[in-house]
Full PDB file with SEQRES, HELIX, SHEET, SSBOND, CRYST1, ORIGX, SCALE, CONECT and MASTER records, all heavy atoms in Angstrom:
SEQRES   1 A   37  VAL ASP TYR GLY SER TYR ILE SER ILE GLY ALA ARG THR          
SEQRES   2 A   37  PHE ILE ASN TYR ASN LEU THR ALA LEU ASP VAL ALA ARG          
SEQRES   3 A   37  ILE THR ILE GLY ASP ASP VAL GLN ILE GLY PRO                  
SHEET    1 AA1 2 ILE A   7  ILE A   9  0                                        
SHEET    2 AA1 2 ILE A  27  ILE A  29  1                                        
SHEET    1 AA2 2 PHE A  14  ILE A  15  0                                        
SHEET    2 AA2 2 GLN A  34  ILE A  35  1                                        
CRYST1    1.000    1.000    1.000  90.00  90.00  90.00 P 1           1          
ORIGX1      1.000000  0.000000  0.000000        0.00000                         
ORIGX2      0.000000  1.000000  0.000000        0.00000                         
ORIGX3      0.000000  0.000000  1.000000        0.00000                         
SCALE1      1.000000  0.000000  0.000000        0.00000                         
SCALE2      0.000000  1.000000  0.000000        0.00000                         
SCALE3      0.000000  0.000000  1.000000        0.00000                         
ATOM      1  N   VAL A   1       0.921  -1.170   0.011  1.00  0.00           N  
ATOM      2  CA  VAL A   1       0.020   0.043   0.015  1.00  0.00           C  
ATOM      3  C   VAL A   1       0.818   1.126  -0.060  1.00  0.00           C  
ATOM      4  O   VAL A   1       2.109   1.184   0.316  1.00  0.00           O  
ATOM      5  CB  VAL A   1      -0.909  -0.052   1.218  1.00  0.00           C  
ATOM      6  CG1 VAL A   1      -1.787  -1.164   1.330  1.00  0.00           C  
ATOM      7  CG2 VAL A   1      -0.158   0.183   2.560  1.00  0.00           C  
ATOM      8  N   ASP A   2       0.302   2.348  -0.374  1.00  0.00           N  
ATOM      9  CA  ASP A   2       0.870   3.702  -0.172  1.00  0.00           C  
ATOM     10  C   ASP A   2       0.813   4.057   1.379  1.00  0.00           C  
ATOM     11  O   ASP A   2       1.855   4.507   1.921  1.00  0.00           O  
ATOM     12  CB  ASP A   2       0.338   4.661  -0.963  1.00  0.00           C  
ATOM     13  CG  ASP A   2       1.065   4.736  -2.463  1.00  0.00           C  
ATOM     14  OD1 ASP A   2       2.344   4.463  -2.455  1.00  0.00           O  
ATOM     15  OD2 ASP A   2       0.436   5.083  -3.442  1.00  0.00           O  
ATOM     16  N   TYR A   3      -0.338   4.121   1.875  1.00  0.00           N  
ATOM     17  CA  TYR A   3      -0.601   4.756   3.165  1.00  0.00           C  
ATOM     18  C   TYR A   3      -1.412   3.773   4.045  1.00  0.00           C  
ATOM     19  O   TYR A   3      -1.313   3.657   5.288  1.00  0.00           O  
ATOM     20  CB  TYR A   3      -1.325   6.088   3.172  1.00  0.00           C  
ATOM     21  CG  TYR A   3      -0.623   7.060   2.212  1.00  0.00           C  
ATOM     22  CD1 TYR A   3      -1.001   7.432   1.014  1.00  0.00           C  
ATOM     23  CD2 TYR A   3       0.613   7.576   2.610  1.00  0.00           C  
ATOM     24  CE1 TYR A   3      -0.339   8.231   0.195  1.00  0.00           C  
ATOM     25  CE2 TYR A   3       1.416   8.362   1.964  1.00  0.00           C  
ATOM     26  CZ  TYR A   3       0.829   8.756   0.623  1.00  0.00           C  
ATOM     27  OH  TYR A   3       1.562   9.685  -0.231  1.00  0.00           O  
ATOM     28  N   GLY A   4      -2.281   2.879   3.464  1.00  0.00           N  
ATOM     29  CA  GLY A   4      -3.055   1.985   4.223  1.00  0.00           C  
ATOM     30  C   GLY A   4      -4.307   2.711   4.840  1.00  0.00           C  
ATOM     31  O   GLY A   4      -5.344   2.085   4.852  1.00  0.00           O  
ATOM     32  N   SER A   5      -4.130   3.891   5.492  1.00  0.00           N  
ATOM     33  CA  SER A   5      -5.142   4.557   6.206  1.00  0.00           C  
ATOM     34  C   SER A   5      -6.345   4.802   5.350  1.00  0.00           C  
ATOM     35  O   SER A   5      -7.450   4.969   5.896  1.00  0.00           O  
ATOM     36  CB  SER A   5      -4.583   5.841   6.697  1.00  0.00           C  
ATOM     37  OG  SER A   5      -3.425   5.640   7.539  1.00  0.00           O  
ATOM     38  N   TYR A   6      -6.190   4.837   4.070  1.00  0.00           N  
ATOM     39  CA  TYR A   6      -7.348   5.357   3.146  1.00  0.00           C  
ATOM     40  C   TYR A   6      -7.975   4.131   2.550  1.00  0.00           C  
ATOM     41  O   TYR A   6      -8.546   4.169   1.286  1.00  0.00           O  
ATOM     42  CB  TYR A   6      -6.864   6.324   2.150  1.00  0.00           C  
ATOM     43  CG  TYR A   6      -6.134   7.557   2.917  1.00  0.00           C  
ATOM     44  CD1 TYR A   6      -4.836   7.731   2.673  1.00  0.00           C  
ATOM     45  CD2 TYR A   6      -6.760   8.172   3.936  1.00  0.00           C  
ATOM     46  CE1 TYR A   6      -4.064   8.706   3.363  1.00  0.00           C  
ATOM     47  CE2 TYR A   6      -6.161   9.179   4.654  1.00  0.00           C  
ATOM     48  CZ  TYR A   6      -4.789   9.454   4.344  1.00  0.00           C  
ATOM     49  OH  TYR A   6      -4.140  10.361   5.041  1.00  0.00           O  
ATOM     50  N   ILE A   7      -7.802   2.857   3.041  1.00  0.00           N  
ATOM     51  CA  ILE A   7      -8.274   1.720   2.478  1.00  0.00           C  
ATOM     52  C   ILE A   7      -9.288   1.158   3.520  1.00  0.00           C  
ATOM     53  O   ILE A   7      -9.054   1.061   4.744  1.00  0.00           O  
ATOM     54  CB  ILE A   7      -7.259   0.562   2.277  1.00  0.00           C  
ATOM     55  CG1 ILE A   7      -6.225   1.090   1.262  1.00  0.00           C  
ATOM     56  CG2 ILE A   7      -7.879  -0.735   1.867  1.00  0.00           C  
ATOM     57  CD1 ILE A   7      -5.117   0.117   1.037  1.00  0.00           C  
ATOM     58  N   SER A   8     -10.504   0.810   3.150  1.00  0.00           N  
ATOM     59  CA  SER A   8     -11.565   0.185   3.907  1.00  0.00           C  
ATOM     60  C   SER A   8     -11.905  -1.118   3.360  1.00  0.00           C  
ATOM     61  O   SER A   8     -12.097  -1.297   2.066  1.00  0.00           O  
ATOM     62  CB  SER A   8     -12.841   1.048   4.162  1.00  0.00           C  
ATOM     63  OG  SER A   8     -13.470   1.217   2.961  1.00  0.00           O  
ATOM     64  N   ILE A   9     -11.971  -2.262   4.099  1.00  0.00           N  
ATOM     65  CA  ILE A   9     -12.286  -3.548   3.606  1.00  0.00           C  
ATOM     66  C   ILE A   9     -13.396  -4.036   4.401  1.00  0.00           C  
ATOM     67  O   ILE A   9     -13.380  -4.048   5.674  1.00  0.00           O  
ATOM     68  CB  ILE A   9     -11.027  -4.492   3.927  1.00  0.00           C  
ATOM     69  CG1 ILE A   9      -9.679  -3.858   3.209  1.00  0.00           C  
ATOM     70  CG2 ILE A   9     -11.260  -5.856   3.245  1.00  0.00           C  
ATOM     71  CD1 ILE A   9      -8.483  -4.644   3.513  1.00  0.00           C  
ATOM     72  N   GLY A  10     -14.383  -4.566   3.707  1.00  0.00           N  
ATOM     73  CA  GLY A  10     -15.652  -4.986   4.397  1.00  0.00           C  
ATOM     74  C   GLY A  10     -15.608  -6.334   5.099  1.00  0.00           C  
ATOM     75  O   GLY A  10     -14.434  -6.899   5.163  1.00  0.00           O  
ATOM     76  N   ALA A  11     -16.715  -6.847   5.477  1.00  0.00           N  
ATOM     77  CA  ALA A  11     -16.709  -8.147   6.232  1.00  0.00           C  
ATOM     78  C   ALA A  11     -16.723  -9.333   5.277  1.00  0.00           C  
ATOM     79  O   ALA A  11     -17.163  -9.198   4.142  1.00  0.00           O  
ATOM     80  CB  ALA A  11     -17.989  -8.232   7.178  1.00  0.00           C  
ATOM     81  N   ARG A  12     -16.177 -10.478   5.842  1.00  0.00           N  
ATOM     82  CA  ARG A  12     -16.123 -11.758   5.112  1.00  0.00           C  
ATOM     83  C   ARG A  12     -15.519 -11.666   3.674  1.00  0.00           C  
ATOM     84  O   ARG A  12     -15.781 -12.383   2.768  1.00  0.00           O  
ATOM     85  CB  ARG A  12     -17.644 -12.292   4.918  1.00  0.00           C  
ATOM     86  CG  ARG A  12     -18.269 -12.474   6.321  1.00  0.00           C  
ATOM     87  CD  ARG A  12     -19.782 -12.782   6.166  1.00  0.00           C  
ATOM     88  NE  ARG A  12     -20.502 -11.787   5.293  1.00  0.00           N  
ATOM     89  CZ  ARG A  12     -20.873 -10.676   5.801  1.00  0.00           C  
ATOM     90  NH1 ARG A  12     -20.821 -10.243   7.081  1.00  0.00           N  
ATOM     91  NH2 ARG A  12     -21.551  -9.788   4.929  1.00  0.00           N  
ATOM     92  N   THR A  13     -14.604 -10.849   3.644  1.00  0.00           N  
ATOM     93  CA  THR A  13     -13.859 -10.696   2.275  1.00  0.00           C  
ATOM     94  C   THR A  13     -12.506 -11.474   2.344  1.00  0.00           C  
ATOM     95  O   THR A  13     -11.952 -11.553   3.343  1.00  0.00           O  
ATOM     96  CB  THR A  13     -13.598  -9.144   2.045  1.00  0.00           C  
ATOM     97  OG1 THR A  13     -14.777  -8.557   1.640  1.00  0.00           O  
ATOM     98  CG2 THR A  13     -12.460  -8.918   0.989  1.00  0.00           C  
ATOM     99  N   PHE A  14     -12.246 -11.961   1.179  1.00  0.00           N  
ATOM    100  CA  PHE A  14     -11.006 -12.786   1.143  1.00  0.00           C  
ATOM    101  C   PHE A  14     -10.046 -12.104   0.071  1.00  0.00           C  
ATOM    102  O   PHE A  14     -10.485 -11.940  -1.147  1.00  0.00           O  
ATOM    103  CB  PHE A  14     -11.234 -14.196   0.604  1.00  0.00           C  
ATOM    104  CG  PHE A  14      -9.978 -15.103   0.399  1.00  0.00           C  
ATOM    105  CD1 PHE A  14      -9.297 -15.474   1.526  1.00  0.00           C  
ATOM    106  CD2 PHE A  14      -9.674 -15.245  -0.770  1.00  0.00           C  
ATOM    107  CE1 PHE A  14      -8.057 -16.167   1.350  1.00  0.00           C  
ATOM    108  CE2 PHE A  14      -8.446 -16.034  -1.113  1.00  0.00           C  
ATOM    109  CZ  PHE A  14      -7.638 -16.434  -0.052  1.00  0.00           C  
ATOM    110  N   ILE A  15      -8.777 -11.823   0.477  1.00  0.00           N  
ATOM    111  CA  ILE A  15      -7.844 -11.172  -0.551  1.00  0.00           C  
ATOM    112  C   ILE A  15      -6.607 -12.028  -0.450  1.00  0.00           C  
ATOM    113  O   ILE A  15      -5.980 -12.342   0.556  1.00  0.00           O  
ATOM    114  CB  ILE A  15      -7.495  -9.810   0.040  1.00  0.00           C  
ATOM    115  CG1 ILE A  15      -8.739  -8.810  -0.019  1.00  0.00           C  
ATOM    116  CG2 ILE A  15      -6.295  -9.171  -0.840  1.00  0.00           C  
ATOM    117  CD1 ILE A  15      -8.482  -7.531   0.569  1.00  0.00           C  
ATOM    118  N   ASN A  16      -6.383 -12.628  -1.617  1.00  0.00           N  
ATOM    119  CA  ASN A  16      -5.282 -13.517  -1.859  1.00  0.00           C  
ATOM    120  C   ASN A  16      -3.900 -12.822  -1.848  1.00  0.00           C  
ATOM    121  O   ASN A  16      -3.761 -11.590  -1.730  1.00  0.00           O  
ATOM    122  CB  ASN A  16      -5.440 -14.393  -3.084  1.00  0.00           C  
ATOM    123  CG  ASN A  16      -4.988 -15.835  -2.824  1.00  0.00           C  
ATOM    124  OD1 ASN A  16      -3.988 -16.091  -2.143  1.00  0.00           O  
ATOM    125  ND2 ASN A  16      -5.681 -16.727  -3.439  1.00  0.00           N  
ATOM    126  N   TYR A  17      -2.851 -13.617  -2.022  1.00  0.00           N  
ATOM    127  CA  TYR A  17      -1.448 -13.109  -1.941  1.00  0.00           C  
ATOM    128  C   TYR A  17      -1.208 -11.852  -2.906  1.00  0.00           C  
ATOM    129  O   TYR A  17      -1.624 -11.825  -4.034  1.00  0.00           O  
ATOM    130  CB  TYR A  17      -0.516 -14.171  -2.247  1.00  0.00           C  
ATOM    131  CG  TYR A  17      -0.662 -15.482  -1.411  1.00  0.00           C  
ATOM    132  CD1 TYR A  17      -1.245 -16.617  -1.966  1.00  0.00           C  
ATOM    133  CD2 TYR A  17      -0.251 -15.374  -0.066  1.00  0.00           C  
ATOM    134  CE1 TYR A  17      -1.286 -17.767  -1.186  1.00  0.00           C  
ATOM    135  CE2 TYR A  17      -0.445 -16.595   0.734  1.00  0.00           C  
ATOM    136  CZ  TYR A  17      -0.899 -17.647   0.106  1.00  0.00           C  
ATOM    137  OH  TYR A  17      -1.059 -18.792   0.906  1.00  0.00           O  
ATOM    138  N   ASN A  18      -0.377 -10.943  -2.329  1.00  0.00           N  
ATOM    139  CA  ASN A  18       0.360  -9.909  -3.232  1.00  0.00           C  
ATOM    140  C   ASN A  18      -0.759  -8.949  -3.874  1.00  0.00           C  
ATOM    141  O   ASN A  18      -0.629  -8.564  -5.013  1.00  0.00           O  
ATOM    142  CB  ASN A  18       1.147 -10.658  -4.379  1.00  0.00           C  
ATOM    143  CG  ASN A  18       2.288  -9.803  -4.763  1.00  0.00           C  
ATOM    144  OD1 ASN A  18       2.776  -9.040  -4.014  1.00  0.00           O  
ATOM    145  ND2 ASN A  18       2.608  -9.748  -5.974  1.00  0.00           N  
ATOM    146  N   LEU A  19      -1.623  -8.440  -2.919  1.00  0.00           N  
ATOM    147  CA  LEU A  19      -2.515  -7.163  -3.464  1.00  0.00           C  
ATOM    148  C   LEU A  19      -1.624  -5.942  -3.337  1.00  0.00           C  
ATOM    149  O   LEU A  19      -0.946  -5.726  -2.323  1.00  0.00           O  
ATOM    150  CB  LEU A  19      -3.734  -7.134  -2.523  1.00  0.00           C  
ATOM    151  CG  LEU A  19      -4.537  -5.789  -2.954  1.00  0.00           C  
ATOM    152  CD1 LEU A  19      -5.110  -5.902  -4.231  1.00  0.00           C  
ATOM    153  CD2 LEU A  19      -5.618  -5.664  -1.714  1.00  0.00           C  
ATOM    154  N   THR A  20      -1.592  -5.340  -4.467  1.00  0.00           N  
ATOM    155  CA  THR A  20      -1.104  -3.927  -4.368  1.00  0.00           C  
ATOM    156  C   THR A  20      -2.308  -2.889  -4.517  1.00  0.00           C  
ATOM    157  O   THR A  20      -3.030  -2.931  -5.422  1.00  0.00           O  
ATOM    158  CB  THR A  20      -0.236  -3.589  -5.628  1.00  0.00           C  
ATOM    159  OG1 THR A  20       0.934  -4.531  -5.591  1.00  0.00           O  
ATOM    160  CG2 THR A  20       0.341  -2.251  -5.638  1.00  0.00           C  
ATOM    161  N   ALA A  21      -2.426  -2.118  -3.394  1.00  0.00           N  
ATOM    162  CA  ALA A  21      -3.527  -1.253  -3.296  1.00  0.00           C  
ATOM    163  C   ALA A  21      -3.006   0.109  -3.017  1.00  0.00           C  
ATOM    164  O   ALA A  21      -2.683   0.501  -1.831  1.00  0.00           O  
ATOM    165  CB  ALA A  21      -4.500  -1.641  -2.218  1.00  0.00           C  
ATOM    166  N   LEU A  22      -2.864   0.966  -3.960  1.00  0.00           N  
ATOM    167  CA  LEU A  22      -2.109   2.214  -3.776  1.00  0.00           C  
ATOM    168  C   LEU A  22      -3.231   3.315  -3.544  1.00  0.00           C  
ATOM    169  O   LEU A  22      -3.908   3.801  -4.393  1.00  0.00           O  
ATOM    170  CB  LEU A  22      -1.386   2.664  -5.160  1.00  0.00           C  
ATOM    171  CG  LEU A  22      -0.317   1.641  -5.607  1.00  0.00           C  
ATOM    172  CD1 LEU A  22       0.647   2.224  -6.707  1.00  0.00           C  
ATOM    173  CD2 LEU A  22       0.634   1.285  -4.338  1.00  0.00           C  
ATOM    174  N   ASP A  23      -3.367   3.624  -2.233  1.00  0.00           N  
ATOM    175  CA  ASP A  23      -4.433   4.399  -1.645  1.00  0.00           C  
ATOM    176  C   ASP A  23      -4.107   5.884  -1.524  1.00  0.00           C  
ATOM    177  O   ASP A  23      -4.158   6.457  -0.546  1.00  0.00           O  
ATOM    178  CB  ASP A  23      -4.909   3.839  -0.382  1.00  0.00           C  
ATOM    179  CG  ASP A  23      -3.765   3.753   0.696  1.00  0.00           C  
ATOM    180  OD1 ASP A  23      -2.571   3.505   0.392  1.00  0.00           O  
ATOM    181  OD2 ASP A  23      -4.076   4.124   1.814  1.00  0.00           O  
ATOM    182  N   VAL A  24      -3.621   6.397  -2.716  1.00  0.00           N  
ATOM    183  CA  VAL A  24      -3.508   7.844  -2.770  1.00  0.00           C  
ATOM    184  C   VAL A  24      -4.820   8.469  -2.646  1.00  0.00           C  
ATOM    185  O   VAL A  24      -4.947   9.588  -2.127  1.00  0.00           O  
ATOM    186  CB  VAL A  24      -2.714   8.266  -4.107  1.00  0.00           C  
ATOM    187  CG1 VAL A  24      -2.524   9.808  -4.158  1.00  0.00           C  
ATOM    188  CG2 VAL A  24      -1.337   7.626  -4.024  1.00  0.00           C  
ATOM    189  N   ALA A  25      -5.821   7.962  -3.285  1.00  0.00           N  
ATOM    190  CA  ALA A  25      -7.174   8.285  -3.041  1.00  0.00           C  
ATOM    191  C   ALA A  25      -7.868   7.157  -2.319  1.00  0.00           C  
ATOM    192  O   ALA A  25      -7.176   6.132  -2.176  1.00  0.00           O  
ATOM    193  CB  ALA A  25      -7.905   8.548  -4.347  1.00  0.00           C  
ATOM    194  N   ARG A  26      -9.007   7.212  -1.903  1.00  0.00           N  
ATOM    195  CA  ARG A  26      -9.734   6.234  -0.949  1.00  0.00           C  
ATOM    196  C   ARG A  26      -9.915   4.941  -1.926  1.00  0.00           C  
ATOM    197  O   ARG A  26     -10.406   5.134  -2.971  1.00  0.00           O  
ATOM    198  CB  ARG A  26     -10.903   6.709  -0.337  1.00  0.00           C  
ATOM    199  CG  ARG A  26     -10.602   7.906   0.596  1.00  0.00           C  
ATOM    200  CD  ARG A  26     -11.785   8.249   1.545  1.00  0.00           C  
ATOM    201  NE  ARG A  26     -11.437   9.440   2.298  1.00  0.00           N  
ATOM    202  CZ  ARG A  26     -10.678   9.425   3.449  1.00  0.00           C  
ATOM    203  NH1 ARG A  26     -10.292   8.177   3.994  1.00  0.00           N  
ATOM    204  NH2 ARG A  26     -10.461  10.465   4.099  1.00  0.00           N  
ATOM    205  N   ILE A  27      -9.719   3.835  -1.274  1.00  0.00           N  
ATOM    206  CA  ILE A  27     -10.047   2.499  -1.816  1.00  0.00           C  
ATOM    207  C   ILE A  27     -11.054   1.882  -0.952  1.00  0.00           C  
ATOM    208  O   ILE A  27     -10.756   1.734   0.263  1.00  0.00           O  
ATOM    209  CB  ILE A  27      -8.775   1.648  -2.009  1.00  0.00           C  
ATOM    210  CG1 ILE A  27      -7.901   2.247  -2.971  1.00  0.00           C  
ATOM    211  CG2 ILE A  27      -9.265   0.224  -2.473  1.00  0.00           C  
ATOM    212  CD1 ILE A  27      -6.657   1.431  -3.128  1.00  0.00           C  
ATOM    213  N   THR A  28     -12.236   1.649  -1.460  1.00  0.00           N  
ATOM    214  CA  THR A  28     -13.189   0.947  -0.695  1.00  0.00           C  
ATOM    215  C   THR A  28     -13.619  -0.283  -1.182  1.00  0.00           C  
ATOM    216  O   THR A  28     -13.933  -0.482  -2.398  1.00  0.00           O  
ATOM    217  CB  THR A  28     -14.600   1.773  -0.622  1.00  0.00           C  
ATOM    218  OG1 THR A  28     -14.254   3.120  -0.291  1.00  0.00           O  
ATOM    219  CG2 THR A  28     -15.649   1.225   0.140  1.00  0.00           C  
ATOM    220  N   ILE A  29     -13.442  -1.444  -0.419  1.00  0.00           N  
ATOM    221  CA  ILE A  29     -13.700  -2.901  -0.701  1.00  0.00           C  
ATOM    222  C   ILE A  29     -14.716  -3.314  -0.053  1.00  0.00           C  
ATOM    223  O   ILE A  29     -14.773  -3.258   1.285  1.00  0.00           O  
ATOM    224  CB  ILE A  29     -12.428  -3.712  -0.544  1.00  0.00           C  
ATOM    225  CG1 ILE A  29     -11.196  -3.197  -1.329  1.00  0.00           C  
ATOM    226  CG2 ILE A  29     -12.744  -5.236  -0.855  1.00  0.00           C  
ATOM    227  CD1 ILE A  29      -9.855  -3.794  -1.077  1.00  0.00           C  
ATOM    228  N   GLY A  30     -15.920  -3.881  -0.521  1.00  0.00           N  
ATOM    229  CA  GLY A  30     -17.120  -4.188   0.121  1.00  0.00           C  
ATOM    230  C   GLY A  30     -17.067  -5.493   0.806  1.00  0.00           C  
ATOM    231  O   GLY A  30     -15.983  -6.098   1.041  1.00  0.00           O  
ATOM    232  N   ASP A  31     -18.258  -5.875   1.221  1.00  0.00           N  
ATOM    233  CA  ASP A  31     -18.445  -7.180   1.983  1.00  0.00           C  
ATOM    234  C   ASP A  31     -18.359  -8.360   0.906  1.00  0.00           C  
ATOM    235  O   ASP A  31     -18.788  -8.192  -0.132  1.00  0.00           O  
ATOM    236  CB  ASP A  31     -19.741  -7.225   2.723  1.00  0.00           C  
ATOM    237  CG  ASP A  31     -19.897  -6.163   3.803  1.00  0.00           C  
ATOM    238  OD1 ASP A  31     -18.866  -5.660   4.330  1.00  0.00           O  
ATOM    239  OD2 ASP A  31     -21.042  -5.669   4.103  1.00  0.00           O  
ATOM    240  N   ASP A  32     -18.007  -9.444   1.468  1.00  0.00           N  
ATOM    241  CA  ASP A  32     -18.051 -10.739   0.663  1.00  0.00           C  
ATOM    242  C   ASP A  32     -17.265 -10.668  -0.696  1.00  0.00           C  
ATOM    243  O   ASP A  32     -17.694 -11.278  -1.598  1.00  0.00           O  
ATOM    244  CB  ASP A  32     -19.465 -11.216   0.452  1.00  0.00           C  
ATOM    245  CG  ASP A  32     -20.159 -11.312   1.768  1.00  0.00           C  
ATOM    246  OD1 ASP A  32     -19.738 -12.227   2.557  1.00  0.00           O  
ATOM    247  OD2 ASP A  32     -21.190 -10.576   2.052  1.00  0.00           O  
ATOM    248  N   VAL A  33     -16.225  -9.851  -0.753  1.00  0.00           N  
ATOM    249  CA  VAL A  33     -15.464  -9.716  -1.984  1.00  0.00           C  
ATOM    250  C   VAL A  33     -14.431 -10.821  -2.040  1.00  0.00           C  
ATOM    251  O   VAL A  33     -13.953 -11.109  -0.938  1.00  0.00           O  
ATOM    252  CB  VAL A  33     -14.834  -8.282  -1.943  1.00  0.00           C  
ATOM    253  CG1 VAL A  33     -13.902  -8.198  -3.245  1.00  0.00           C  
ATOM    254  CG2 VAL A  33     -15.903  -7.265  -2.083  1.00  0.00           C  
ATOM    255  N   GLN A  34     -14.097 -11.298  -3.215  1.00  0.00           N  
ATOM    256  CA  GLN A  34     -12.917 -12.214  -3.364  1.00  0.00           C  
ATOM    257  C   GLN A  34     -12.016 -11.618  -4.396  1.00  0.00           C  
ATOM    258  O   GLN A  34     -12.373 -11.159  -5.515  1.00  0.00           O  
ATOM    259  CB  GLN A  34     -13.471 -13.550  -3.966  1.00  0.00           C  
ATOM    260  CG  GLN A  34     -14.388 -14.289  -2.969  1.00  0.00           C  
ATOM    261  CD  GLN A  34     -14.770 -15.636  -3.324  1.00  0.00           C  
ATOM    262  OE1 GLN A  34     -13.925 -16.378  -3.790  1.00  0.00           O  
ATOM    263  NE2 GLN A  34     -16.041 -16.053  -3.329  1.00  0.00           N  
ATOM    264  N   ILE A  35     -10.779 -11.527  -3.817  1.00  0.00           N  
ATOM    265  CA  ILE A  35      -9.679 -10.913  -4.719  1.00  0.00           C  
ATOM    266  C   ILE A  35      -8.604 -11.829  -4.873  1.00  0.00           C  
ATOM    267  O   ILE A  35      -7.973 -12.351  -3.994  1.00  0.00           O  
ATOM    268  CB  ILE A  35      -9.203  -9.562  -4.125  1.00  0.00           C  
ATOM    269  CG1 ILE A  35     -10.405  -8.583  -4.116  1.00  0.00           C  
ATOM    270  CG2 ILE A  35      -8.069  -9.024  -4.957  1.00  0.00           C  
ATOM    271  CD1 ILE A  35      -9.933  -7.251  -3.492  1.00  0.00           C  
ATOM    272  N   GLY A  36      -8.300 -12.190  -6.206  1.00  0.00           N  
ATOM    273  CA  GLY A  36      -7.199 -13.163  -6.507  1.00  0.00           C  
ATOM    274  C   GLY A  36      -5.864 -12.578  -6.246  1.00  0.00           C  
ATOM    275  O   GLY A  36      -5.741 -11.501  -5.900  1.00  0.00           O  
ATOM    276  N   PRO A  37      -4.868 -13.411  -6.441  1.00  0.00           N  
ATOM    277  CA  PRO A  37      -3.514 -13.107  -6.345  1.00  0.00           C  
ATOM    278  C   PRO A  37      -2.963 -12.025  -7.313  1.00  0.00           C  
ATOM    279  O   PRO A  37      -3.511 -11.999  -8.425  1.00  0.00           O  
ATOM    280  CB  PRO A  37      -2.618 -14.346  -6.480  1.00  0.00           C  
ATOM    281  CG  PRO A  37      -3.568 -15.301  -7.283  1.00  0.00           C  
ATOM    282  CD  PRO A  37      -4.945 -14.938  -6.968  1.00  0.00           C  
TER     283      PRO A  37                                                      
MASTER        0    0    0    0    4    0    0    6  282    1    0    3          
END                                                                             
């Protein structure tokens, strides 16, 4: 991540290895999301 502070991740979400989430602006990830490697 760039800062981490501007990322929100919902409930019951699964994020696999090696996510790059550059949160220069806000990143919102909802509930029950599945994100591959």
